[in-house]
Amino acid sequence: MARTIRFGILGCGRITRRGLIPGITGSPAAELTALASLRPGVAAELARESGAPRAYESYEAVLADPQIDAVYIPSTGDSHREWTLKAARAGKHVLCEKSLATSVAEAEEMVAGCRSAGVLLQEAFMWRHHSRTKTVRQMLHNGAIGELCLILAHFSFDIDRSDWRLDPAQGGGAVWDIGCYGINASRLFAGTEPRTVHARARFHERGADMSMQIALQFPNNVLANVDCSFEAPFRCEVELVGTRGTIVLPNAFLPAEEAPLLVRRGTAADAPVETIVFPRANQYVEQVTDFCASIEAGHLQAPAEDGLANMRVCEMALKLAREGR
């Protein structure tokens, strides 16, 4: 039988509480061993709530714990490089929150550091691991909607203007926080890397992009339109358009427990739409279970990736938007 992977978490923020703690404790392949927070008493309180046997008030203590095999890094993007490299040197596998870093140069260093240390680095795009996403990939492979032509991805919500995500120094901005999902979906479903990138954005006075539109062209002639915004109503959808039909993923990146998939087979205006409902699943549990399987295999298994390629597209889009071209 595969061994149980023992996790430590470097931070006790919102995503840890609502996502990764349930993901780890709900996975048959994982065990929550330790929590750490730099805020006194926070890790101990959350450890009592979650049943984690150990709580630390420093991240270094988690990395020094010989009972921990892997760590999850949920902090802001400006600290991902530091703690990923420290974890790698400590021999811990790393599941790192998106976006992987604040620059491609940092991401390259993280990937190289983990590879040199012989540990795995995975960017935590949980939505990739949901059974709905895996089914859609298989449907595209089987030609369920003909040849894929267009990918449309939208992700937006309104945030408080004092939110840290409007600080570029911390890795803030719409493209790094939510546009990365649409880029990730486009790359995943196109099955290759974009050949050209075009981008335009609206910027906040603090320097972060508030809204961005991104156009991608892939070498297999798939076109993608991605938009993201911190100043618009909630929208979270991916539409895949083929020569013989369409597939729509409502709440694409934040699916309900019972996630629907809308499949139109045919090109006529009155072509019927089939609704496929996937059984209850927690995509954080699926992500953790798949990551544990990758650790056992000794390499990242699809649909997981280290995130470097996604970083390259995000950074290019932001650069072009800032330059206005």
C-alpha atoms as a PDB file:
ATOM      1  CA  MET A   1       0.000   0.000   0.000  1.00  0.00           C
ATOM      2  CA  ALA A   2       1.125   3.571  -0.686  1.00  0.00           C
ATOM      3  CA  ARG A   3       2.367   5.412   2.364  1.00  0.00           C
ATOM      4  CA  THR A   4       0.408   8.268   3.902  1.00  0.00           C
ATOM      5  CA  ILE A   5       1.938  11.675   3.076  1.00  0.00           C
ATOM      6  CA  ARG A   6       2.293  13.854   6.179  1.00  0.00           C
ATOM      7  CA  PHE A   7       1.613  17.555   5.614  1.00  0.00           C
ATOM      8  CA  GLY A   8       2.573  20.746   7.363  1.00  0.00           C
ATOM      9  CA  ILE A   9       0.960  24.082   6.467  1.00  0.00           C
ATOM     10  CA  LEU A  10       2.902  27.354   6.579  1.00  0.00           C
ATOM     11  CA  GLY A  11       0.134  29.788   7.438  1.00  0.00           C
ATOM     12  CA  CYS A  12      -3.394  29.775   8.848  1.00  0.00           C
ATOM     13  CA  GLY A  13      -5.245  32.194   6.583  1.00  0.00           C
ATOM     14  CA  ARG A  14      -8.587  31.860   4.857  1.00  0.00           C
ATOM     15  CA  ILE A  15      -7.523  29.444   2.118  1.00  0.00           C
ATOM     16  CA  THR A  16      -5.920  27.161   4.702  1.00  0.00           C
ATOM     17  CA  ARG A  17      -9.103  27.022   6.765  1.00  0.00           C
ATOM     18  CA  ARG A  18     -11.633  26.602   3.978  1.00  0.00           C
ATOM     19  CA  GLY A  19      -9.556  24.720   1.429  1.00  0.00           C
ATOM     20  CA  LEU A  20      -6.426  22.844   2.405  1.00  0.00           C
ATOM     21  CA  ILE A  21      -7.290  21.654   5.904  1.00  0.00           C
ATOM     22  CA  PRO A  22     -10.463  19.945   4.601  1.00  0.00           C
ATOM     23  CA  GLY A  23      -8.467  18.830   1.555  1.00  0.00           C
ATOM     24  CA  ILE A  24      -5.779  17.118   3.606  1.00  0.00           C
ATOM     25  CA  THR A  25      -8.012  15.688   6.316  1.00  0.00           C
ATOM     26  CA  GLY A  26     -10.462  14.438   3.683  1.00  0.00           C
ATOM     27  CA  SER A  27      -7.859  12.661   1.571  1.00  0.00           C
ATOM     28  CA  PRO A  28      -7.205   8.961   2.194  1.00  0.00           C
ATOM     29  CA  ALA A  29      -3.604   9.502   1.065  1.00  0.00           C
ATOM     30  CA  ALA A  30      -2.712  12.373   3.412  1.00  0.00           C
ATOM     31  CA  GLU A  31      -2.417  13.290   7.054  1.00  0.00           C
ATOM     32  CA  LEU A  32      -2.406  16.762   8.614  1.00  0.00           C
ATOM     33  CA  THR A  33       0.612  16.710  10.917  1.00  0.00           C
ATOM     34  CA  ALA A  34       1.360  20.344  11.763  1.00  0.00           C
ATOM     35  CA  LEU A  35       0.172  23.914  11.379  1.00  0.00           C
ATOM     36  CA  ALA A  36       2.257  27.061  11.707  1.00  0.00           C
ATOM     37  CA  SER A  37       1.403  30.724  12.023  1.00  0.00           C
ATOM     38  CA  LEU A  38       3.535  33.760  12.749  1.00  0.00           C
ATOM     39  CA  ARG A  39       0.657  35.172  14.812  1.00  0.00           C
ATOM     40  CA  PRO A  40       0.939  33.942  18.413  1.00  0.00           C
ATOM     41  CA  GLY A  41      -1.710  31.406  19.395  1.00  0.00           C
ATOM     42  CA  VAL A  42      -3.371  31.160  15.977  1.00  0.00           C
ATOM     43  CA  ALA A  43      -1.828  27.843  14.933  1.00  0.00           C
ATOM     44  CA  ALA A  44      -2.561  26.265  18.319  1.00  0.00           C
ATOM     45  CA  GLU A  45      -6.207  27.304  18.147  1.00  0.00           C
ATOM     46  CA  LEU A  46      -6.647  26.035  14.603  1.00  0.00           C
ATOM     47  CA  ALA A  47      -4.820  22.806  15.451  1.00  0.00           C
ATOM     48  CA  ARG A  48      -7.345  22.143  18.208  1.00  0.00           C
ATOM     49  CA  GLU A  49     -10.213  22.791  15.791  1.00  0.00           C
ATOM     50  CA  SER A  50      -8.805  20.642  12.997  1.00  0.00           C
ATOM     51  CA  GLY A  51      -7.200  17.862  15.010  1.00  0.00           C
ATOM     52  CA  ALA A  52      -3.655  18.606  13.848  1.00  0.00           C
ATOM     53  CA  PRO A  53      -1.292  17.075  16.432  1.00  0.00           C
ATOM     54  CA  ARG A  54       1.312  19.855  16.338  1.00  0.00           C
ATOM     55  CA  ALA A  55       1.271  23.651  16.153  1.00  0.00           C
ATOM     56  CA  TYR A  56       4.267  25.927  15.654  1.00  0.00           C
ATOM     57  CA  GLU A  57       4.820  29.667  15.805  1.00  0.00           C
ATOM     58  CA  SER A  58       7.499  29.640  13.122  1.00  0.00           C
ATOM     59  CA  TYR A  59       7.649  28.186   9.636  1.00  0.00           C
ATOM     60  CA  GLU A  60      11.196  27.005  10.242  1.00  0.00           C
ATOM     61  CA  ALA A  61       9.901  24.651  12.947  1.00  0.00           C
ATOM     62  CA  VAL A  62       7.655  22.914  10.409  1.00  0.00           C
ATOM     63  CA  LEU A  63      10.556  22.509   7.989  1.00  0.00           C
ATOM     64  CA  ALA A  64      12.720  21.076  10.769  1.00  0.00           C
ATOM     65  CA  ASP A  65      10.088  18.504  11.759  1.00  0.00           C
ATOM     66  CA  PRO A  66      11.275  15.070  10.525  1.00  0.00           C
ATOM     67  CA  GLN A  67       7.706  13.744  10.655  1.00  0.00           C
ATOM     68  CA  ILE A  68       6.603  16.009   7.783  1.00  0.00           C
ATOM     69  CA  ASP A  69       6.913  14.912   4.145  1.00  0.00           C
ATOM     70  CA  ALA A  70       5.304  17.847   2.338  1.00  0.00           C
ATOM     71  CA  VAL A  71       4.230  21.417   2.964  1.00  0.00           C
ATOM     72  CA  TYR A  72       1.524  23.654   1.622  1.00  0.00           C
ATOM     73  CA  ILE A  73       2.465  27.333   1.188  1.00  0.00           C
ATOM     74  CA  PRO A  74      -0.646  29.565   1.241  1.00  0.00           C
ATOM     75  CA  SER A  75       0.986  32.959   1.819  1.00  0.00           C
ATOM     76  CA  THR A  76       1.079  35.984  -0.494  1.00  0.00           C
ATOM     77  CA  GLY A  77       3.086  35.597  -3.668  1.00  0.00           C
ATOM     78  CA  ASP A  78       6.024  37.703  -2.518  1.00  0.00           C
ATOM     79  CA  SER A  79       7.002  35.018   0.022  1.00  0.00           C
ATOM     80  CA  HIS A  80       6.546  31.927  -2.162  1.00  0.00           C
ATOM     81  CA  ARG A  81      10.118  31.877  -3.438  1.00  0.00           C
ATOM     82  CA  GLU A  82      11.688  32.120   0.025  1.00  0.00           C
ATOM     83  CA  TRP A  83       9.669  29.345   1.651  1.00  0.00           C
ATOM     84  CA  THR A  84       9.638  27.045  -1.365  1.00  0.00           C
ATOM     85  CA  LEU A  85      13.431  27.105  -1.528  1.00  0.00           C
ATOM     86  CA  LYS A  86      13.733  26.619   2.247  1.00  0.00           C
ATOM     87  CA  ALA A  87      11.300  23.712   2.101  1.00  0.00           C
ATOM     88  CA  ALA A  88      13.232  22.138  -0.762  1.00  0.00           C
ATOM     89  CA  ARG A  89      16.483  22.374   1.154  1.00  0.00           C
ATOM     90  CA  ALA A  90      14.711  20.683   4.081  1.00  0.00           C
ATOM     91  CA  GLY A  91      13.653  17.828   1.796  1.00  0.00           C
ATOM     92  CA  LYS A  92       9.931  18.669   1.823  1.00  0.00           C
ATOM     93  CA  HIS A  93       7.710  18.408  -1.235  1.00  0.00           C
ATOM     94  CA  VAL A  94       5.873  21.673  -1.961  1.00  0.00           C
ATOM     95  CA  LEU A  95       2.279  22.391  -2.878  1.00  0.00           C
ATOM     96  CA  CYS A  96       2.360  26.157  -3.469  1.00  0.00           C
ATOM     97  CA  GLU A  97      -0.589  28.483  -3.797  1.00  0.00           C
ATOM     98  CA  LYS A  98      -1.077  30.224  -7.119  1.00  0.00           C
ATOM     99  CA  SER A  99       0.307  32.267  -8.631  1.00  0.00           C
ATOM    100  CA  LEU A 100       3.583  30.472  -8.162  1.00  0.00           C
ATOM    101  CA  ALA A 101       5.686  33.635  -7.694  1.00  0.00           C
ATOM    102  CA  THR A 102       5.749  37.341  -8.499  1.00  0.00           C
ATOM    103  CA  SER A 103       7.957  36.896 -11.563  1.00  0.00           C
ATOM    104  CA  VAL A 104       9.105  34.268 -14.013  1.00  0.00           C
ATOM    105  CA  ALA A 105      12.665  34.664 -12.716  1.00  0.00           C
ATOM    106  CA  GLU A 106      11.527  33.723  -9.195  1.00  0.00           C
ATOM    107  CA  ALA A 107       9.491  30.800 -10.519  1.00  0.00           C
ATOM    108  CA  GLU A 108      12.464  29.488 -12.486  1.00  0.00           C
ATOM    109  CA  GLU A 109      14.576  29.586  -9.331  1.00  0.00           C
ATOM    110  CA  MET A 110      11.894  27.719  -7.380  1.00  0.00           C
ATOM    111  CA  VAL A 111      11.536  25.013 -10.019  1.00  0.00           C
ATOM    112  CA  ALA A 112      15.307  24.590 -10.269  1.00  0.00           C
ATOM    113  CA  GLY A 113      15.714  24.518  -6.486  1.00  0.00           C
ATOM    114  CA  CYS A 114      13.097  21.802  -6.021  1.00  0.00           C
ATOM    115  CA  ARG A 115      14.480  19.755  -8.890  1.00  0.00           C
ATOM    116  CA  SER A 116      17.999  19.994  -7.459  1.00  0.00           C
ATOM    117  CA  ALA A 117      16.749  18.917  -4.023  1.00  0.00           C
ATOM    118  CA  GLY A 118      14.807  15.981  -5.466  1.00  0.00           C
ATOM    119  CA  VAL A 119      11.408  17.183  -4.247  1.00  0.00           C
ATOM    120  CA  LEU A 120       8.234  17.924  -6.173  1.00  0.00           C
ATOM    121  CA  LEU A 121       6.822  21.406  -6.663  1.00  0.00           C
ATOM    122  CA  GLN A 122       3.187  21.766  -7.712  1.00  0.00           C
ATOM    123  CA  GLU A 123       1.181  24.940  -8.183  1.00  0.00           C
ATOM    124  CA  ALA A 124      -2.118  24.616  -6.314  1.00  0.00           C
ATOM    125  CA  PHE A 125      -4.701  24.951  -9.093  1.00  0.00           C
ATOM    126  CA  MET A 126      -7.250  22.754  -7.374  1.00  0.00           C
ATOM    127  CA  TRP A 127      -9.846  23.016 -10.161  1.00  0.00           C
ATOM    128  CA  ARG A 128      -7.636  20.924 -12.486  1.00  0.00           C
ATOM    129  CA  HIS A 129      -8.192  17.902 -10.239  1.00  0.00           C
ATOM    130  CA  HIS A 130     -11.994  17.917 -10.159  1.00  0.00           C
ATOM    131  CA  SER A 131     -13.580  14.968 -11.971  1.00  0.00           C
ATOM    132  CA  ARG A 132     -15.491  17.425 -14.168  1.00  0.00           C
ATOM    133  CA  THR A 133     -12.260  18.930 -15.497  1.00  0.00           C
ATOM    134  CA  LYS A 134     -10.775  15.499 -16.159  1.00  0.00           C
ATOM    135  CA  THR A 135     -13.944  14.422 -17.966  1.00  0.00           C
ATOM    136  CA  VAL A 136     -13.918  17.526 -20.174  1.00  0.00           C
ATOM    137  CA  ARG A 137     -10.336  16.831 -21.208  1.00  0.00           C
ATOM    138  CA  GLN A 138     -11.338  13.310 -22.214  1.00  0.00           C
ATOM    139  CA  MET A 139     -14.379  14.588 -24.102  1.00  0.00           C
ATOM    140  CA  LEU A 140     -12.201  16.983 -26.101  1.00  0.00           C
ATOM    141  CA  HIS A 141      -9.752  14.182 -26.824  1.00  0.00           C
ATOM    142  CA  ASN A 142     -12.624  12.004 -28.066  1.00  0.00           C
ATOM    143  CA  GLY A 143     -13.948  14.770 -30.349  1.00  0.00           C
ATOM    144  CA  ALA A 144     -17.233  15.243 -28.479  1.00  0.00           C
ATOM    145  CA  ILE A 145     -17.657  18.781 -29.919  1.00  0.00           C
ATOM    146  CA  GLY A 146     -15.526  18.373 -33.008  1.00  0.00           C
ATOM    147  CA  GLU A 147     -12.341  20.374 -33.408  1.00  0.00           C
ATOM    148  CA  LEU A 148     -11.775  22.871 -30.592  1.00  0.00           C
ATOM    149  CA  CYS A 149     -11.801  26.433 -31.982  1.00  0.00           C
ATOM    150  CA  LEU A 150     -12.439  28.891 -29.161  1.00  0.00           C
ATOM    151  CA  ILE A 151     -11.964  29.058 -25.392  1.00  0.00           C
ATOM    152  CA  LEU A 152     -13.763  31.776 -23.423  1.00  0.00           C
ATOM    153  CA  ALA A 153     -12.858  32.159 -19.744  1.00  0.00           C
ATOM    154  CA  HIS A 154     -14.257  34.742 -17.329  1.00  0.00           C
ATOM    155  CA  PHE A 155     -13.437  35.281 -13.649  1.00  0.00           C
ATOM    156  CA  SER A 156     -14.367  38.416 -11.720  1.00  0.00           C
ATOM    157  CA  PHE A 157     -15.592  39.737  -8.394  1.00  0.00           C
ATOM    158  CA  ASP A 158     -15.516  43.067  -6.605  1.00  0.00           C
ATOM    159  CA  ILE A 159     -12.962  43.521  -3.818  1.00  0.00           C
ATOM    160  CA  ASP A 160     -12.444  46.076  -1.081  1.00  0.00           C
ATOM    161  CA  ARG A 161     -10.077  48.777  -2.262  1.00  0.00           C
ATOM    162  CA  SER A 162      -7.905  48.283   0.848  1.00  0.00           C
ATOM    163  CA  ASP A 163      -7.330  44.607  -0.016  1.00  0.00           C
ATOM    164  CA  TRP A 164      -3.677  43.474  -0.199  1.00  0.00           C
ATOM    165  CA  ARG A 165      -4.408  42.145  -3.682  1.00  0.00           C
ATOM    166  CA  LEU A 166      -4.140  45.698  -4.994  1.00  0.00           C
ATOM    167  CA  ASP A 167      -0.485  45.855  -3.907  1.00  0.00           C
ATOM    168  CA  PRO A 168       1.794  44.797  -6.788  1.00  0.00           C
ATOM    169  CA  ALA A 169       4.707  44.333  -4.361  1.00  0.00           C
ATOM    170  CA  GLN A 170       2.860  41.432  -2.712  1.00  0.00           C
ATOM    171  CA  GLY A 171       1.978  39.816  -6.005  1.00  0.00           C
ATOM    172  CA  GLY A 172      -1.352  41.602  -6.259  1.00  0.00           C
ATOM    173  CA  GLY A 173      -3.351  42.355  -9.376  1.00  0.00           C
ATOM    174  CA  ALA A 174      -6.246  40.708 -11.177  1.00  0.00           C
ATOM    175  CA  VAL A 175      -4.141  38.672 -13.579  1.00  0.00           C
ATOM    176  CA  TRP A 176      -1.989  37.107 -10.839  1.00  0.00           C
ATOM    177  CA  ASP A 177      -4.964  36.346  -8.586  1.00  0.00           C
ATOM    178  CA  ILE A 178      -7.768  35.303 -10.939  1.00  0.00           C
ATOM    179  CA  GLY A 179      -6.720  35.853 -14.549  1.00  0.00           C
ATOM    180  CA  CYS A 180      -4.204  33.076 -13.974  1.00  0.00           C
ATOM    181  CA  TYR A 181      -7.173  30.665 -13.819  1.00  0.00           C
ATOM    182  CA  GLY A 182      -8.422  31.557 -17.281  1.00  0.00           C
ATOM    183  CA  ILE A 183      -4.910  31.319 -18.675  1.00  0.00           C
ATOM    184  CA  ASN A 184      -4.510  27.984 -16.911  1.00  0.00           C
ATOM    185  CA  ALA A 185      -7.775  26.691 -18.371  1.00  0.00           C
ATOM    186  CA  SER A 186      -6.875  27.863 -21.871  1.00  0.00           C
ATOM    187  CA  ARG A 187      -3.499  26.141 -21.758  1.00  0.00           C
ATOM    188  CA  LEU A 188      -4.951  22.955 -20.283  1.00  0.00           C
ATOM    189  CA  PHE A 189      -7.779  22.553 -22.782  1.00  0.00           C
ATOM    190  CA  ALA A 190      -5.772  23.738 -25.808  1.00  0.00           C
ATOM    191  CA  GLY A 191      -3.159  21.162 -24.817  1.00  0.00           C
ATOM    192  CA  THR A 192      -0.217  23.364 -25.735  1.00  0.00           C
ATOM    193  CA  GLU A 193       1.419  26.730 -25.032  1.00  0.00           C
ATOM    194  CA  PRO A 194       0.221  29.960 -26.700  1.00  0.00           C
ATOM    195  CA  ARG A 195       2.139  31.271 -29.682  1.00  0.00           C
ATOM    196  CA  THR A 196       0.995  34.885 -29.291  1.00  0.00           C
ATOM    197  CA  VAL A 197      -0.349  36.971 -26.401  1.00  0.00           C
ATOM    198  CA  HIS A 198      -2.264  40.268 -26.518  1.00  0.00           C
ATOM    199  CA  ALA A 199      -3.493  42.134 -23.444  1.00  0.00           C
ATOM    200  CA  ARG A 200      -5.169  45.343 -22.295  1.00  0.00           C
ATOM    201  CA  ALA A 201      -5.929  46.440 -18.730  1.00  0.00           C
ATOM    202  CA  ARG A 202      -7.426  49.043 -16.423  1.00  0.00           C
ATOM    203  CA  PHE A 203      -5.087  49.890 -13.552  1.00  0.00           C
ATOM    204  CA  HIS A 204      -5.726  50.981  -9.975  1.00  0.00           C
ATOM    205  CA  GLU A 205      -3.942  54.041  -8.618  1.00  0.00           C
ATOM    206  CA  ARG A 206      -1.807  51.712  -6.481  1.00  0.00           C
ATOM    207  CA  GLY A 207      -0.452  50.165  -9.666  1.00  0.00           C
ATOM    208  CA  ALA A 208      -2.245  46.821  -9.751  1.00  0.00           C
ATOM    209  CA  ASP A 209      -4.341  45.775 -12.721  1.00  0.00           C
ATOM    210  CA  MET A 210      -8.025  45.967 -11.810  1.00  0.00           C
ATOM    211  CA  SER A 211      -9.431  44.471 -15.017  1.00  0.00           C
ATOM    212  CA  MET A 212      -7.673  42.745 -17.884  1.00  0.00           C
ATOM    213  CA  GLN A 213      -8.572  41.179 -21.209  1.00  0.00           C
ATOM    214  CA  ILE A 214      -6.161  38.678 -22.729  1.00  0.00           C
ATOM    215  CA  ALA A 215      -6.191  37.103 -26.177  1.00  0.00           C
ATOM    216  CA  LEU A 216      -4.168  33.947 -26.801  1.00  0.00           C
ATOM    217  CA  GLN A 217      -3.447  32.133 -30.038  1.00  0.00           C
ATOM    218  CA  PHE A 218      -2.175  28.573 -29.875  1.00  0.00           C
ATOM    219  CA  PRO A 219      -0.130  26.773 -32.540  1.00  0.00           C
ATOM    220  CA  ASN A 220      -2.972  24.286 -33.098  1.00  0.00           C
ATOM    221  CA  ASN A 221      -5.100  27.274 -34.189  1.00  0.00           C
ATOM    222  CA  VAL A 222      -7.167  27.415 -30.992  1.00  0.00           C
ATOM    223  CA  LEU A 223      -8.038  30.981 -29.942  1.00  0.00           C
ATOM    224  CA  ALA A 224      -8.714  31.971 -26.331  1.00  0.00           C
ATOM    225  CA  ASN A 225     -10.282  35.083 -24.804  1.00  0.00           C
ATOM    226  CA  VAL A 226      -9.654  35.503 -21.082  1.00  0.00           C
ATOM    227  CA  ASP A 227     -10.942  38.310 -18.890  1.00  0.00           C
ATOM    228  CA  CYS A 228     -10.585  38.990 -15.180  1.00  0.00           C
ATOM    229  CA  SER A 229     -11.617  41.829 -12.903  1.00  0.00           C
ATOM    230  CA  PHE A 230     -11.613  43.041  -9.307  1.00  0.00           C
ATOM    231  CA  GLU A 231     -14.290  45.681 -10.108  1.00  0.00           C
ATOM    232  CA  ALA A 232     -17.096  43.635 -11.647  1.00  0.00           C
ATOM    233  CA  PRO A 233     -19.880  41.313 -10.453  1.00  0.00           C
ATOM    234  CA  PHE A 234     -19.087  37.680  -9.746  1.00  0.00           C
ATOM    235  CA  ARG A 235     -18.491  35.692 -12.932  1.00  0.00           C
ATOM    236  CA  CYS A 236     -16.732  32.340 -13.141  1.00  0.00           C
ATOM    237  CA  GLU A 237     -17.228  30.366 -16.321  1.00  0.00           C
ATOM    238  CA  VAL A 238     -15.378  28.577 -19.110  1.00  0.00           C
ATOM    239  CA  GLU A 239     -16.923  27.899 -22.509  1.00  0.00           C
ATOM    240  CA  LEU A 240     -15.298  25.604 -25.042  1.00  0.00           C
ATOM    241  CA  VAL A 241     -16.459  26.040 -28.621  1.00  0.00           C
ATOM    242  CA  GLY A 242     -15.881  23.320 -31.188  1.00  0.00           C
ATOM    243  CA  THR A 243     -16.848  22.814 -34.802  1.00  0.00           C
ATOM    244  CA  ARG A 244     -19.739  20.549 -33.769  1.00  0.00           C
ATOM    245  CA  GLY A 245     -20.851  21.850 -30.388  1.00  0.00           C
ATOM    246  CA  THR A 246     -20.011  23.563 -27.124  1.00  0.00           C
ATOM    247  CA  ILE A 247     -19.140  22.676 -23.543  1.00  0.00           C
ATOM    248  CA  VAL A 248     -19.797  25.107 -20.679  1.00  0.00           C
ATOM    249  CA  LEU A 249     -18.392  24.783 -17.163  1.00  0.00           C
ATOM    250  CA  PRO A 250     -20.510  26.980 -14.835  1.00  0.00           C
ATOM    251  CA  ASN A 251     -18.582  28.118 -11.760  1.00  0.00           C
ATOM    252  CA  ALA A 252     -15.579  26.664 -13.559  1.00  0.00           C
ATOM    253  CA  PHE A 253     -12.999  27.205 -10.841  1.00  0.00           C
ATOM    254  CA  LEU A 254     -15.296  27.124  -7.801  1.00  0.00           C
ATOM    255  CA  PRO A 255     -17.782  24.340  -8.581  1.00  0.00           C
ATOM    256  CA  ALA A 256     -20.624  23.472  -6.267  1.00  0.00           C
ATOM    257  CA  GLU A 257     -20.501  20.110  -4.518  1.00  0.00           C
ATOM    258  CA  GLU A 258     -22.678  18.753  -7.318  1.00  0.00           C
ATOM    259  CA  ALA A 259     -21.083  20.348 -10.388  1.00  0.00           C
ATOM    260  CA  PRO A 260     -23.018  20.660 -13.671  1.00  0.00           C
ATOM    261  CA  LEU A 261     -21.586  20.521 -17.181  1.00  0.00           C
ATOM    262  CA  LEU A 262     -23.582  21.837 -20.146  1.00  0.00           C
ATOM    263  CA  VAL A 263     -22.959  20.069 -23.460  1.00  0.00           C
ATOM    264  CA  ARG A 264     -24.509  21.209 -26.734  1.00  0.00           C
ATOM    265  CA  ARG A 265     -24.041  18.643 -29.494  1.00  0.00           C
ATOM    266  CA  GLY A 266     -24.779  20.234 -32.844  1.00  0.00           C
ATOM    267  CA  THR A 267     -24.480  23.600 -34.566  1.00  0.00           C
ATOM    268  CA  ALA A 268     -28.142  24.589 -34.972  1.00  0.00           C
ATOM    269  CA  ALA A 269     -29.680  27.283 -32.801  1.00  0.00           C
ATOM    270  CA  ASP A 270     -32.117  24.742 -31.390  1.00  0.00           C
ATOM    271  CA  ALA A 271     -29.534  22.016 -30.779  1.00  0.00           C
ATOM    272  CA  PRO A 272     -30.370  20.357 -27.461  1.00  0.00           C
ATOM    273  CA  VAL A 273     -28.250  21.022 -24.396  1.00  0.00           C
ATOM    274  CA  GLU A 274     -27.432  18.084 -22.147  1.00  0.00           C
ATOM    275  CA  THR A 275     -26.770  18.756 -18.469  1.00  0.00           C
ATOM    276  CA  ILE A 276     -24.352  16.333 -16.846  1.00  0.00           C
ATOM    277  CA  VAL A 277     -24.205  16.584 -13.056  1.00  0.00           C
ATOM    278  CA  PHE A 278     -21.085  15.297 -11.357  1.00  0.00           C
ATOM    279  CA  PRO A 279     -21.392  13.687  -7.928  1.00  0.00           C
ATOM    280  CA  ARG A 280     -20.398  15.504  -4.780  1.00  0.00           C
ATOM    281  CA  ALA A 281     -16.652  16.105  -4.661  1.00  0.00           C
ATOM    282  CA  ASN A 282     -14.214  18.407  -2.909  1.00  0.00           C
ATOM    283  CA  GLN A 283     -11.635  19.572  -5.416  1.00  0.00           C
ATOM    284  CA  TYR A 284      -9.145  20.300  -2.630  1.00  0.00           C
ATOM    285  CA  VAL A 285      -9.356  16.670  -1.544  1.00  0.00           C
ATOM    286  CA  GLU A 286      -8.842  15.580  -5.147  1.00  0.00           C
ATOM    287  CA  GLN A 287      -5.854  17.905  -5.493  1.00  0.00           C
ATOM    288  CA  VAL A 288      -4.186  16.606  -2.340  1.00  0.00           C
ATOM    289  CA  THR A 289      -4.830  12.980  -3.293  1.00  0.00           C
ATOM    290  CA  ASP A 290      -3.360  13.524  -6.755  1.00  0.00           C
ATOM    291  CA  PHE A 291      -0.341  15.332  -5.274  1.00  0.00           C
ATOM    292  CA  CYS A 292       0.283  12.405  -2.942  1.00  0.00           C
ATOM    293  CA  ALA A 293       0.115  10.050  -5.935  1.00  0.00           C
ATOM    294  CA  SER A 294       2.670  12.205  -7.719  1.00  0.00           C
ATOM    295  CA  ILE A 295       4.978  12.043  -4.688  1.00  0.00           C
ATOM    296  CA  GLU A 296       4.705   8.250  -4.704  1.00  0.00           C
ATOM    297  CA  ALA A 297       5.377   8.169  -8.454  1.00  0.00           C
ATOM    298  CA  GLY A 298       8.363  10.497  -8.127  1.00  0.00           C
ATOM    299  CA  HIS A 299       7.072  12.987 -10.697  1.00  0.00           C
ATOM    300  CA  LEU A 300       4.076  15.249 -11.276  1.00  0.00           C
ATOM    301  CA  GLN A 301       1.236  13.396 -12.933  1.00  0.00           C
ATOM    302  CA  ALA A 302      -1.272  15.066 -15.252  1.00  0.00           C
ATOM    303  CA  PRO A 303      -3.133  17.330 -14.858  1.00  0.00           C
ATOM    304  CA  ALA A 304      -0.678  18.751 -12.305  1.00  0.00           C
ATOM    305  CA  GLU A 305       2.154  21.104 -13.272  1.00  0.00           C
ATOM    306  CA  ASP A 306       4.786  23.182 -11.511  1.00  0.00           C
ATOM    307  CA  GLY A 307       3.295  26.457 -12.787  1.00  0.00           C
ATOM    308  CA  LEU A 308       6.300  27.910 -14.595  1.00  0.00           C
ATOM    309  CA  ALA A 309       4.628  27.848 -18.015  1.00  0.00           C
ATOM    310  CA  ASN A 310       1.519  29.550 -16.629  1.00  0.00           C
ATOM    311  CA  MET A 311       3.718  32.204 -15.016  1.00  0.00           C
ATOM    312  CA  ARG A 312       5.315  32.983 -18.366  1.00  0.00           C
ATOM    313  CA  VAL A 313       1.957  33.750 -19.975  1.00  0.00           C
ATOM    314  CA  CYS A 314       0.708  35.803 -17.006  1.00  0.00           C
ATOM    315  CA  GLU A 315       3.882  37.879 -16.896  1.00  0.00           C
ATOM    316  CA  MET A 316       3.794  38.510 -20.652  1.00  0.00           C
ATOM    317  CA  ALA A 317       0.149  39.604 -20.468  1.00  0.00           C
ATOM    318  CA  LEU A 318       0.890  42.045 -17.642  1.00  0.00           C
ATOM    319  CA  LYS A 319       3.940  43.408 -19.461  1.00  0.00           C
ATOM    320  CA  LEU A 320       1.990  44.007 -22.668  1.00  0.00           C
ATOM    321  CA  ALA A 321      -0.901  45.612 -20.779  1.00  0.00           C
ATOM    322  CA  ARG A 322       1.439  47.993 -18.970  1.00  0.00           C
ATOM    323  CA  GLU A 323       3.104  48.918 -22.247  1.00  0.00           C
ATOM    324  CA  GLY A 324      -0.283  49.418 -23.889  1.00  0.00           C
ATOM    325  CA  ARG A 325       0.438  47.045 -26.741  1.00  0.00           C
END
